[in-house]
Amino acid sequence: MAKTSTIAARIDPELKNRVERVFSGLGLTSSQAITLFYKQVELQQGLPFIVRIPRDLTLEALEDARSRRDMEGFNTVEDLFDDLGI
């Protein structure tokens, strides 16, 4: 099937650049990634992921993880398991 349709969308340039770096790391062009997304929407008959508004607690946890605030580190997996009591 010939690819003759074009999609035009306005998107934040910084977001576009960050996402295109991810696509590149996956060996995909933006066109291939968009085609993959469309195929998944077709197969799933909806978005291929859950769309939710995160609760305040979730947003706080995500921000803590991004900033590594109040996070404990471990030198080995065994140290982690010991801390977890496993």
C-alpha atoms as a PDB file:
ATOM      1  CA  MET A   1       0.000   0.000   0.000  1.00  0.00           C
ATOM      2  CA  ALA A   2       1.415   3.367  -1.006  1.00  0.00           C
ATOM      3  CA  LYS A   3       1.907   5.870   1.771  1.00  0.00           C
ATOM      4  CA  THR A   4       0.291   9.034   0.501  1.00  0.00           C
ATOM      5  CA  SER A   5      -1.452  10.595   3.514  1.00  0.00           C
ATOM      6  CA  THR A   6       0.197  13.328   5.527  1.00  0.00           C
ATOM      7  CA  ILE A   7      -0.350  14.244   9.162  1.00  0.00           C
ATOM      8  CA  ALA A   8       0.420  17.768  10.345  1.00  0.00           C
ATOM      9  CA  ALA A   9       0.499  18.541  14.052  1.00  0.00           C
ATOM     10  CA  ARG A  10       1.839  21.368  16.155  1.00  0.00           C
ATOM     11  CA  ILE A  11       3.945  20.187  19.073  1.00  0.00           C
ATOM     12  CA  ASP A  12       6.369  21.721  21.535  1.00  0.00           C
ATOM     13  CA  PRO A  13       9.811  21.682  19.833  1.00  0.00           C
ATOM     14  CA  GLU A  14      11.630  20.552  22.990  1.00  0.00           C
ATOM     15  CA  LEU A  15       9.227  17.639  23.471  1.00  0.00           C
ATOM     16  CA  LYS A  16       9.602  16.726  19.794  1.00  0.00           C
ATOM     17  CA  ASN A  17      13.402  16.669  20.072  1.00  0.00           C
ATOM     18  CA  ARG A  18      13.387  14.575  23.265  1.00  0.00           C
ATOM     19  CA  VAL A  19      10.951  12.071  21.783  1.00  0.00           C
ATOM     20  CA  GLU A  20      12.814  11.856  18.486  1.00  0.00           C
ATOM     21  CA  ARG A  21      15.969  10.945  20.454  1.00  0.00           C
ATOM     22  CA  VAL A  22      13.994   8.104  22.047  1.00  0.00           C
ATOM     23  CA  PHE A  23      12.741   6.987  18.626  1.00  0.00           C
ATOM     24  CA  SER A  24      16.292   7.102  17.288  1.00  0.00           C
ATOM     25  CA  GLY A  25      17.464   4.923  20.161  1.00  0.00           C
ATOM     26  CA  LEU A  26      14.769   2.434  19.195  1.00  0.00           C
ATOM     27  CA  GLY A  27      15.812   2.552  15.543  1.00  0.00           C
ATOM     28  CA  LEU A  28      12.598   4.281  14.469  1.00  0.00           C
ATOM     29  CA  THR A  29      11.860   7.381  12.466  1.00  0.00           C
ATOM     30  CA  SER A  30       9.023   9.628  13.582  1.00  0.00           C
ATOM     31  CA  SER A  31       6.939   8.383  10.646  1.00  0.00           C
ATOM     32  CA  GLN A  32       7.531   4.760  11.641  1.00  0.00           C
ATOM     33  CA  ALA A  33       6.642   5.498  15.267  1.00  0.00           C
ATOM     34  CA  ILE A  34       3.427   7.267  14.258  1.00  0.00           C
ATOM     35  CA  THR A  35       2.515   4.370  11.950  1.00  0.00           C
ATOM     36  CA  LEU A  36       3.183   1.946  14.818  1.00  0.00           C
ATOM     37  CA  PHE A  37       0.935   4.020  17.090  1.00  0.00           C
ATOM     38  CA  TYR A  38      -1.848   4.072  14.478  1.00  0.00           C
ATOM     39  CA  LYS A  39      -1.592   0.300  13.959  1.00  0.00           C
ATOM     40  CA  GLN A  40      -1.867  -0.268  17.714  1.00  0.00           C
ATOM     41  CA  VAL A  41      -4.920   2.007  17.929  1.00  0.00           C
ATOM     42  CA  GLU A  42      -6.480   0.003  15.113  1.00  0.00           C
ATOM     43  CA  LEU A  43      -5.685  -3.348  16.782  1.00  0.00           C
ATOM     44  CA  GLN A  44      -6.809  -2.246  20.243  1.00  0.00           C
ATOM     45  CA  GLN A  45      -9.798  -0.259  18.951  1.00  0.00           C
ATOM     46  CA  GLY A  46      -8.699   2.527  21.285  1.00  0.00           C
ATOM     47  CA  LEU A  47      -5.582   4.026  22.764  1.00  0.00           C
ATOM     48  CA  PRO A  48      -2.936   1.362  23.392  1.00  0.00           C
ATOM     49  CA  PHE A  49      -2.317   2.649  26.923  1.00  0.00           C
ATOM     50  CA  ILE A  50      -4.349   3.818  29.891  1.00  0.00           C
ATOM     51  CA  VAL A  51      -4.976   7.556  30.067  1.00  0.00           C
ATOM     52  CA  ARG A  52      -5.575   8.838  33.582  1.00  0.00           C
ATOM     53  CA  ILE A  53      -5.154  11.995  35.556  1.00  0.00           C
ATOM     54  CA  PRO A  54      -2.685  11.121  38.312  1.00  0.00           C
ATOM     55  CA  ARG A  55      -3.709  11.757  41.897  1.00  0.00           C
ATOM     56  CA  ASP A  56      -1.764  14.244  44.015  1.00  0.00           C
ATOM     57  CA  LEU A  57       0.016  11.419  45.850  1.00  0.00           C
ATOM     58  CA  THR A  58       1.136   9.898  42.543  1.00  0.00           C
ATOM     59  CA  LEU A  59       2.346  13.262  41.248  1.00  0.00           C
ATOM     60  CA  GLU A  60       4.311  13.808  44.461  1.00  0.00           C
ATOM     61  CA  ALA A  61       5.891  10.340  44.211  1.00  0.00           C
ATOM     62  CA  LEU A  62       6.834  10.933  40.578  1.00  0.00           C
ATOM     63  CA  GLU A  63       8.453  14.259  41.444  1.00  0.00           C
ATOM     64  CA  ASP A  64      10.309  12.679  44.373  1.00  0.00           C
ATOM     65  CA  ALA A  65      11.627   9.963  42.057  1.00  0.00           C
ATOM     66  CA  ARG A  66      12.695  12.463  39.393  1.00  0.00           C
ATOM     67  CA  SER A  67      14.564  14.579  41.931  1.00  0.00           C
ATOM     68  CA  ARG A  68      15.746  11.481  43.878  1.00  0.00           C
ATOM     69  CA  ARG A  69      14.391  13.135  47.041  1.00  0.00           C
ATOM     70  CA  ASP A  70      14.087  10.843  50.075  1.00  0.00           C
ATOM     71  CA  MET A  71      15.380   7.895  48.077  1.00  0.00           C
ATOM     72  CA  GLU A  72      17.593   5.284  49.640  1.00  0.00           C
ATOM     73  CA  GLY A  73      20.405   3.748  47.628  1.00  0.00           C
ATOM     74  CA  PHE A  74      21.936   0.307  47.873  1.00  0.00           C
ATOM     75  CA  ASN A  75      25.380  -0.900  46.841  1.00  0.00           C
ATOM     76  CA  THR A  76      24.254  -4.401  45.937  1.00  0.00           C
ATOM     77  CA  VAL A  77      21.066  -6.277  45.199  1.00  0.00           C
ATOM     78  CA  GLU A  78      21.709  -8.304  48.344  1.00  0.00           C
ATOM     79  CA  ASP A  79      21.709  -5.089  50.411  1.00  0.00           C
ATOM     80  CA  LEU A  80      18.346  -4.166  48.873  1.00  0.00           C
ATOM     81  CA  PHE A  81      16.898  -7.595  49.608  1.00  0.00           C
ATOM     82  CA  ASP A  82      18.208  -7.445  53.181  1.00  0.00           C
ATOM     83  CA  ASP A  83      16.499  -4.067  53.653  1.00  0.00           C
ATOM     84  CA  LEU A  84      13.260  -5.511  52.262  1.00  0.00           C
ATOM     85  CA  GLY A  85      13.563  -8.560  54.505  1.00  0.00           C
ATOM     86  CA  ILE A  86      13.688 -10.940  51.584  1.00  0.00           C
END
